[in-house]
Amino acid sequence: MMQRLVISSAILISYKNYNQKINRLNYFCICYVCQIIVFLYSVSYIKK
């Protein structure tokens, strides 16, 4: 559990760095999609 949180936060940090090159709307969409993927992954992981 802890490892996945570290990985997802590292992904979010790298997206924040990438945000300097793209506009805020694109960043918001990427971040939102990333959160959905992480959420769905955790739900499917818990169900196993």
Protein backbone atom coordinates (compact mmCIF):
# COMPACT_ATOMS: atom_id res chain seq x y z
CA MET A 1 0.00 0.00 0.00
CA MET A 2 2.72 2.46 1.04
CA GLN A 3 4.78 1.66 -2.04
CA ARG A 4 1.88 2.50 -4.38
CA LEU A 5 1.33 5.83 -2.61
CA VAL A 6 5.00 6.71 -3.08
CA ILE A 7 4.86 5.76 -6.77
CA SER A 8 1.67 7.74 -7.41
CA SER A 9 3.03 10.80 -5.60
CA ALA A 10 6.26 10.55 -7.62
CA ILE A 11 4.14 10.47 -10.80
CA LEU A 12 2.20 13.55 -9.64
CA ILE A 13 5.46 15.39 -8.85
CA SER A 14 6.83 14.64 -12.32
CA TYR A 15 3.55 15.89 -13.83
CA LYS A 16 3.90 19.09 -11.78
CA ASN A 17 7.37 19.59 -13.25
CA TYR A 18 5.94 18.89 -16.72
CA ASN A 19 3.28 21.54 -16.03
CA GLN A 20 5.89 24.24 -16.63
CA LYS A 21 5.85 23.26 -20.33
CA ILE A 22 2.07 22.89 -20.81
CA ASN A 23 -0.93 25.02 -19.87
CA ARG A 24 -3.00 24.56 -16.73
CA LEU A 25 -6.01 23.01 -18.49
CA ASN A 26 -3.94 20.19 -19.96
CA TYR A 27 -2.29 19.65 -16.58
CA PHE A 28 -5.67 19.44 -14.88
CA CYS A 29 -6.90 16.84 -17.41
CA ILE A 30 -3.74 14.73 -17.07
CA CYS A 31 -3.87 14.92 -13.28
CA TYR A 32 -7.57 13.99 -13.25
CA VAL A 33 -7.02 11.00 -15.56
CA CYS A 34 -4.00 9.94 -13.48
CA GLN A 35 -6.08 10.03 -10.29
CA ILE A 36 -8.86 7.97 -11.92
CA ILE A 37 -6.34 5.35 -13.09
CA VAL A 38 -4.76 5.14 -9.62
CA PHE A 39 -8.22 4.90 -8.03
CA LEU A 40 -9.41 2.14 -10.39
CA TYR A 41 -6.12 0.28 -9.90
CA SER A 42 -6.50 0.40 -6.11
CA VAL A 43 -10.13 -0.75 -6.28
CA SER A 44 -9.28 -3.71 -8.52
CA TYR A 45 -6.27 -4.51 -6.28
CA ILE A 46 -8.46 -4.55 -3.16
CA LYS A 47 -11.05 -6.81 -4.82
CA LYS A 48 -8.47 -9.53 -5.54
